[in-house]
């Protein structure tokens, strides 16, 4: 995350909470859409996708269902968020191409605004700013702490070597009264 002028611990925490909320909402929407596909069954989703002209609708039905279900859940909790964000954005690009490209903009008319917004949000939340409150951060924290301790130890050792390598020079100081 970039550091801005005036940024402090409170604004950083606020940003992380907002990003967590955004991931939860966007991921939750994807999970709901994936669950909808799963609930109607692969046959129903396959028939729907086949009617749209999607190639290999049987495979596409399963991929779409699991990308939305699993990818949405991963995005929401912040686990493998970059991978989930890219997959979900790709899923929405396919939805726009096959289902929404010849329609109006607005969602109430079958338009592309919802899949475009969801795809862009998934991409940004996955690649640019998942925040620090993620499962990835929680699982990698011990390793980062060990690396920081190792780096501090190496820096101390390098400082000690530098001090030892310098020759001792005695200076005479005379004070005139």
C-alpha atoms as a PDB file:
ATOM      1  CA  UNK A   1       0.000   0.000   0.000  1.00  0.00           C
ATOM      2  CA  UNK A   2       1.300   3.436  -0.814  1.00  0.00           C
ATOM      3  CA  UNK A   3       2.025   5.937   1.897  1.00  0.00           C
ATOM      4  CA  UNK A   4       0.355   9.309   1.533  1.00  0.00           C
ATOM      5  CA  UNK A   5       1.012  12.584   3.297  1.00  0.00           C
ATOM      6  CA  UNK A   6      -1.011  12.682   6.475  1.00  0.00           C
ATOM      7  CA  UNK A   7      -1.550   8.932   6.641  1.00  0.00           C
ATOM      8  CA  UNK A   8      -1.503   7.520  10.144  1.00  0.00           C
ATOM      9  CA  UNK A   9      -2.467   4.329  11.925  1.00  0.00           C
ATOM     10  CA  UNK A  10      -6.120   5.348  12.129  1.00  0.00           C
ATOM     11  CA  UNK A  11      -6.557   6.179   8.437  1.00  0.00           C
ATOM     12  CA  UNK A  12      -4.684   2.976   7.539  1.00  0.00           C
ATOM     13  CA  UNK A  13      -6.999   0.925   9.739  1.00  0.00           C
ATOM     14  CA  UNK A  14     -10.044   2.739   8.342  1.00  0.00           C
ATOM     15  CA  UNK A  15      -8.914   1.981   4.773  1.00  0.00           C
ATOM     16  CA  UNK A  16      -8.376  -1.670   5.643  1.00  0.00           C
ATOM     17  CA  UNK A  17     -11.829  -1.977   7.222  1.00  0.00           C
ATOM     18  CA  UNK A  18     -13.434  -0.332   4.176  1.00  0.00           C
ATOM     19  CA  UNK A  19     -11.567  -2.715   1.847  1.00  0.00           C
ATOM     20  CA  UNK A  20     -12.661  -5.671   3.985  1.00  0.00           C
ATOM     21  CA  UNK A  21     -16.283  -4.512   3.732  1.00  0.00           C
ATOM     22  CA  UNK A  22     -15.976  -4.045  -0.045  1.00  0.00           C
ATOM     23  CA  UNK A  23     -14.446  -7.514  -0.450  1.00  0.00           C
ATOM     24  CA  UNK A  24     -17.216  -9.017   1.667  1.00  0.00           C
ATOM     25  CA  UNK A  25     -19.960  -7.345  -0.367  1.00  0.00           C
ATOM     26  CA  UNK A  26     -18.494  -8.053  -3.811  1.00  0.00           C
ATOM     27  CA  UNK A  27     -17.451 -11.583  -2.837  1.00  0.00           C
ATOM     28  CA  UNK A  28     -20.881 -12.180  -1.300  1.00  0.00           C
ATOM     29  CA  UNK A  29     -22.603 -11.137  -4.534  1.00  0.00           C
ATOM     30  CA  UNK A  30     -20.447 -13.589  -6.485  1.00  0.00           C
ATOM     31  CA  UNK A  31     -21.192 -16.366  -3.985  1.00  0.00           C
ATOM     32  CA  UNK A  32     -24.918 -15.644  -4.291  1.00  0.00           C
ATOM     33  CA  UNK A  33     -24.765 -15.837  -8.093  1.00  0.00           C
ATOM     34  CA  UNK A  34     -22.700 -19.023  -7.939  1.00  0.00           C
ATOM     35  CA  UNK A  35     -25.120 -20.538  -5.450  1.00  0.00           C
ATOM     36  CA  UNK A  36     -28.009 -19.618  -7.739  1.00  0.00           C
ATOM     37  CA  UNK A  37     -26.354 -21.549 -10.578  1.00  0.00           C
ATOM     38  CA  UNK A  38     -25.576 -24.472  -8.281  1.00  0.00           C
ATOM     39  CA  UNK A  39     -29.110 -24.500  -6.876  1.00  0.00           C
ATOM     40  CA  UNK A  40     -30.774 -24.652 -10.291  1.00  0.00           C
ATOM     41  CA  UNK A  41     -28.460 -27.506 -11.221  1.00  0.00           C
ATOM     42  CA  UNK A  42     -25.779 -27.850 -13.849  1.00  0.00           C
ATOM     43  CA  UNK A  43     -28.344 -28.992 -16.406  1.00  0.00           C
ATOM     44  CA  UNK A  44     -30.326 -25.765 -16.075  1.00  0.00           C
ATOM     45  CA  UNK A  45     -27.201 -23.627 -16.210  1.00  0.00           C
ATOM     46  CA  UNK A  46     -25.936 -25.640 -19.181  1.00  0.00           C
ATOM     47  CA  UNK A  47     -29.203 -25.095 -21.030  1.00  0.00           C
ATOM     48  CA  UNK A  48     -29.111 -21.357 -20.288  1.00  0.00           C
ATOM     49  CA  UNK A  49     -25.482 -20.998 -21.421  1.00  0.00           C
ATOM     50  CA  UNK A  50     -26.111 -23.111 -24.510  1.00  0.00           C
ATOM     51  CA  UNK A  51     -28.942 -20.763 -25.465  1.00  0.00           C
ATOM     52  CA  UNK A  52     -26.517 -17.849 -25.260  1.00  0.00           C
ATOM     53  CA  UNK A  53     -24.097 -19.542 -27.640  1.00  0.00           C
ATOM     54  CA  UNK A  54     -21.413 -20.323 -25.069  1.00  0.00           C
ATOM     55  CA  UNK A  55     -19.108 -23.051 -26.434  1.00  0.00           C
ATOM     56  CA  UNK A  56     -19.039 -26.276 -24.398  1.00  0.00           C
ATOM     57  CA  UNK A  57     -21.973 -25.249 -22.205  1.00  0.00           C
ATOM     58  CA  UNK A  58     -21.688 -28.323 -19.950  1.00  0.00           C
ATOM     59  CA  UNK A  59     -18.121 -27.460 -18.980  1.00  0.00           C
ATOM     60  CA  UNK A  60     -18.852 -23.728 -18.909  1.00  0.00           C
ATOM     61  CA  UNK A  61     -21.747 -24.294 -16.484  1.00  0.00           C
ATOM     62  CA  UNK A  62     -19.488 -26.034 -13.984  1.00  0.00           C
ATOM     63  CA  UNK A  63     -16.641 -23.553 -14.407  1.00  0.00           C
ATOM     64  CA  UNK A  64     -18.970 -20.562 -14.033  1.00  0.00           C
ATOM     65  CA  UNK A  65     -20.619 -22.037 -10.952  1.00  0.00           C
ATOM     66  CA  UNK A  66     -17.398 -22.873  -9.142  1.00  0.00           C
ATOM     67  CA  UNK A  67     -15.535 -19.724 -10.155  1.00  0.00           C
ATOM     68  CA  UNK A  68     -18.338 -17.630  -8.708  1.00  0.00           C
ATOM     69  CA  UNK A  69     -18.847 -19.765  -5.590  1.00  0.00           C
ATOM     70  CA  UNK A  70     -15.231 -20.430  -4.666  1.00  0.00           C
ATOM     71  CA  UNK A  71     -13.741 -17.281  -6.177  1.00  0.00           C
ATOM     72  CA  UNK A  72     -16.289 -15.088  -4.436  1.00  0.00           C
ATOM     73  CA  UNK A  73     -15.610 -16.758  -1.090  1.00  0.00           C
ATOM     74  CA  UNK A  74     -11.831 -16.452  -1.557  1.00  0.00           C
ATOM     75  CA  UNK A  75     -12.148 -12.788  -2.483  1.00  0.00           C
ATOM     76  CA  UNK A  76     -14.375 -12.106   0.514  1.00  0.00           C
ATOM     77  CA  UNK A  77     -11.928 -13.578   3.041  1.00  0.00           C
ATOM     78  CA  UNK A  78      -8.838 -12.354   1.211  1.00  0.00           C
ATOM     79  CA  UNK A  79      -7.253 -15.716   0.471  1.00  0.00           C
ATOM     80  CA  UNK A  80      -5.483 -15.853  -2.904  1.00  0.00           C
ATOM     81  CA  UNK A  81      -7.264 -12.576  -3.683  1.00  0.00           C
ATOM     82  CA  UNK A  82      -5.205 -11.763  -6.810  1.00  0.00           C
ATOM     83  CA  UNK A  83      -6.032 -15.117  -8.410  1.00  0.00           C
ATOM     84  CA  UNK A  84      -9.695 -14.896  -7.390  1.00  0.00           C
ATOM     85  CA  UNK A  85      -9.950 -11.304  -8.654  1.00  0.00           C
ATOM     86  CA  UNK A  86      -8.554 -12.182 -12.078  1.00  0.00           C
ATOM     87  CA  UNK A  87     -10.771 -15.270 -12.428  1.00  0.00           C
ATOM     88  CA  UNK A  88     -13.883 -13.379 -11.385  1.00  0.00           C
ATOM     89  CA  UNK A  89     -13.100 -10.485 -13.734  1.00  0.00           C
ATOM     90  CA  UNK A  90     -12.620 -13.005 -16.549  1.00  0.00           C
ATOM     91  CA  UNK A  91     -15.930 -14.615 -15.646  1.00  0.00           C
ATOM     92  CA  UNK A  92     -17.653 -11.242 -15.871  1.00  0.00           C
ATOM     93  CA  UNK A  93     -15.951 -10.463 -19.188  1.00  0.00           C
ATOM     94  CA  UNK A  94     -17.425 -13.703 -20.525  1.00  0.00           C
ATOM     95  CA  UNK A  95     -20.835 -12.808 -19.119  1.00  0.00           C
ATOM     96  CA  UNK A  96     -20.715  -9.430 -20.829  1.00  0.00           C
ATOM     97  CA  UNK A  97     -19.570 -10.972 -24.111  1.00  0.00           C
ATOM     98  CA  UNK A  98     -22.116 -13.780 -24.276  1.00  0.00           C
ATOM     99  CA  UNK A  99     -25.114 -12.440 -22.368  1.00  0.00           C
ATOM    100  CA  UNK A 100     -25.018  -8.648 -22.277  1.00  0.00           C
ATOM    101  CA  UNK A 101     -23.146  -7.260 -25.285  1.00  0.00           C
ATOM    102  CA  UNK A 102     -26.165  -6.580 -27.506  1.00  0.00           C
ATOM    103  CA  UNK A 103     -28.418  -5.155 -24.811  1.00  0.00           C
ATOM    104  CA  UNK A 104     -28.845  -1.873 -23.050  1.00  0.00           C
ATOM    105  CA  UNK A 105     -26.529  -0.513 -20.380  1.00  0.00           C
ATOM    106  CA  UNK A 106     -28.902  -0.738 -17.433  1.00  0.00           C
ATOM    107  CA  UNK A 107     -29.290  -3.936 -15.447  1.00  0.00           C
ATOM    108  CA  UNK A 108     -33.083  -3.745 -15.289  1.00  0.00           C
ATOM    109  CA  UNK A 109     -33.077  -4.069 -19.089  1.00  0.00           C
ATOM    110  CA  UNK A 110     -30.591  -6.948 -19.125  1.00  0.00           C
ATOM    111  CA  UNK A 111     -27.664  -4.571 -19.546  1.00  0.00           C
ATOM    112  CA  UNK A 112     -23.990  -4.974 -18.843  1.00  0.00           C
ATOM    113  CA  UNK A 113     -23.575  -2.514 -15.962  1.00  0.00           C
ATOM    114  CA  UNK A 114     -23.733  -5.095 -13.129  1.00  0.00           C
ATOM    115  CA  UNK A 115     -21.236  -7.590 -14.588  1.00  0.00           C
ATOM    116  CA  UNK A 116     -18.934  -4.708 -15.591  1.00  0.00           C
ATOM    117  CA  UNK A 117     -19.037  -3.210 -12.097  1.00  0.00           C
ATOM    118  CA  UNK A 118     -18.563  -6.584 -10.413  1.00  0.00           C
ATOM    119  CA  UNK A 119     -15.696  -7.533 -12.721  1.00  0.00           C
ATOM    120  CA  UNK A 120     -13.910  -4.218 -12.225  1.00  0.00           C
ATOM    121  CA  UNK A 121     -14.420  -4.380  -8.462  1.00  0.00           C
ATOM    122  CA  UNK A 122     -13.104  -7.940  -8.292  1.00  0.00           C
ATOM    123  CA  UNK A 123     -10.050  -6.991 -10.314  1.00  0.00           C
ATOM    124  CA  UNK A 124      -9.264  -3.931  -8.190  1.00  0.00           C
ATOM    125  CA  UNK A 125      -9.914  -5.682  -4.873  1.00  0.00           C
ATOM    126  CA  UNK A 126      -7.870  -8.687  -5.934  1.00  0.00           C
ATOM    127  CA  UNK A 127      -4.885  -7.066  -7.607  1.00  0.00           C
ATOM    128  CA  UNK A 128      -4.615  -3.484  -6.400  1.00  0.00           C
ATOM    129  CA  UNK A 129      -6.014  -3.217  -2.890  1.00  0.00           C
ATOM    130  CA  UNK A 130      -7.180  -6.258  -0.955  1.00  0.00           C
ATOM    131  CA  UNK A 131      -6.159  -4.457   2.259  1.00  0.00           C
ATOM    132  CA  UNK A 132      -4.252  -5.757   5.258  1.00  0.00           C
ATOM    133  CA  UNK A 133      -7.191  -7.524   6.922  1.00  0.00           C
ATOM    134  CA  UNK A 134      -6.998 -10.711   4.859  1.00  0.00           C
ATOM    135  CA  UNK A 135      -6.555 -14.389   5.466  1.00  0.00           C
ATOM    136  CA  UNK A 136      -3.376 -14.201   3.364  1.00  0.00           C
ATOM    137  CA  UNK A 137      -1.907 -11.694   5.847  1.00  0.00           C
ATOM    138  CA  UNK A 138      -2.967 -13.786   8.822  1.00  0.00           C
ATOM    139  CA  UNK A 139      -1.416 -16.958   7.417  1.00  0.00           C
ATOM    140  CA  UNK A 140       1.859 -15.305   6.336  1.00  0.00           C
ATOM    141  CA  UNK A 141       2.344 -13.128   9.429  1.00  0.00           C
ATOM    142  CA  UNK A 142       4.628 -15.567  11.318  1.00  0.00           C
ATOM    143  CA  UNK A 143       6.910 -15.895   8.289  1.00  0.00           C
ATOM    144  CA  UNK A 144       7.111 -12.134   7.849  1.00  0.00           C
ATOM    145  CA  UNK A 145       7.974 -11.721  11.534  1.00  0.00           C
ATOM    146  CA  UNK A 146      10.781 -14.266  11.225  1.00  0.00           C
ATOM    147  CA  UNK A 147      12.117 -12.534   8.115  1.00  0.00           C
ATOM    148  CA  UNK A 148      12.066  -9.161   9.890  1.00  0.00           C
ATOM    149  CA  UNK A 149      13.987 -10.593  12.866  1.00  0.00           C
ATOM    150  CA  UNK A 150      16.529 -12.196  10.530  1.00  0.00           C
ATOM    151  CA  UNK A 151      16.975  -8.908   8.664  1.00  0.00           C
ATOM    152  CA  UNK A 152      17.504  -7.010  11.949  1.00  0.00           C
ATOM    153  CA  UNK A 153      20.077  -9.585  13.111  1.00  0.00           C
ATOM    154  CA  UNK A 154      21.947  -9.308   9.809  1.00  0.00           C
ATOM    155  CA  UNK A 155      21.926  -5.504  10.017  1.00  0.00           C
ATOM    156  CA  UNK A 156      23.340  -5.634  13.570  1.00  0.00           C
ATOM    157  CA  UNK A 157      26.048  -8.056  12.461  1.00  0.00           C
ATOM    158  CA  UNK A 158      26.959  -5.807   9.526  1.00  0.00           C
ATOM    159  CA  UNK A 159      27.164  -2.769  11.847  1.00  0.00           C
ATOM    160  CA  UNK A 160      29.390  -4.691  14.268  1.00  0.00           C
ATOM    161  CA  UNK A 161      31.733  -5.706  11.431  1.00  0.00           C
ATOM    162  CA  UNK A 162      31.931  -2.105  10.235  1.00  0.00           C
ATOM    163  CA  UNK A 163      32.866  -0.858  13.701  1.00  0.00           C
ATOM    164  CA  UNK A 164      35.527  -3.568  14.122  1.00  0.00           C
ATOM    165  CA  UNK A 165      37.010  -2.898  10.684  1.00  0.00           C
ATOM    166  CA  UNK A 166      37.686   0.763  11.410  1.00  0.00           C
ATOM    167  CA  UNK A 167      41.153   1.465  12.853  1.00  0.00           C
ATOM    168  CA  UNK A 168      41.370   3.108  16.223  1.00  0.00           C
ATOM    169  CA  UNK A 169      42.678   6.651  15.942  1.00  0.00           C
ATOM    170  CA  UNK A 170      43.677   8.602  19.008  1.00  0.00           C
ATOM    171  CA  UNK A 171      43.360  12.322  18.843  1.00  0.00           C
ATOM    172  CA  UNK A 172      45.244  14.744  21.017  1.00  0.00           C
ATOM    173  CA  UNK A 173      43.369  17.711  22.245  1.00  0.00           C
ATOM    174  CA  UNK A 174      45.169  20.595  23.839  1.00  0.00           C
ATOM    175  CA  UNK A 175      43.396  23.261  25.772  1.00  0.00           C
ATOM    176  CA  UNK A 176      44.945  26.680  26.011  1.00  0.00           C
ATOM    177  CA  UNK A 177      43.999  28.827  28.852  1.00  0.00           C
END
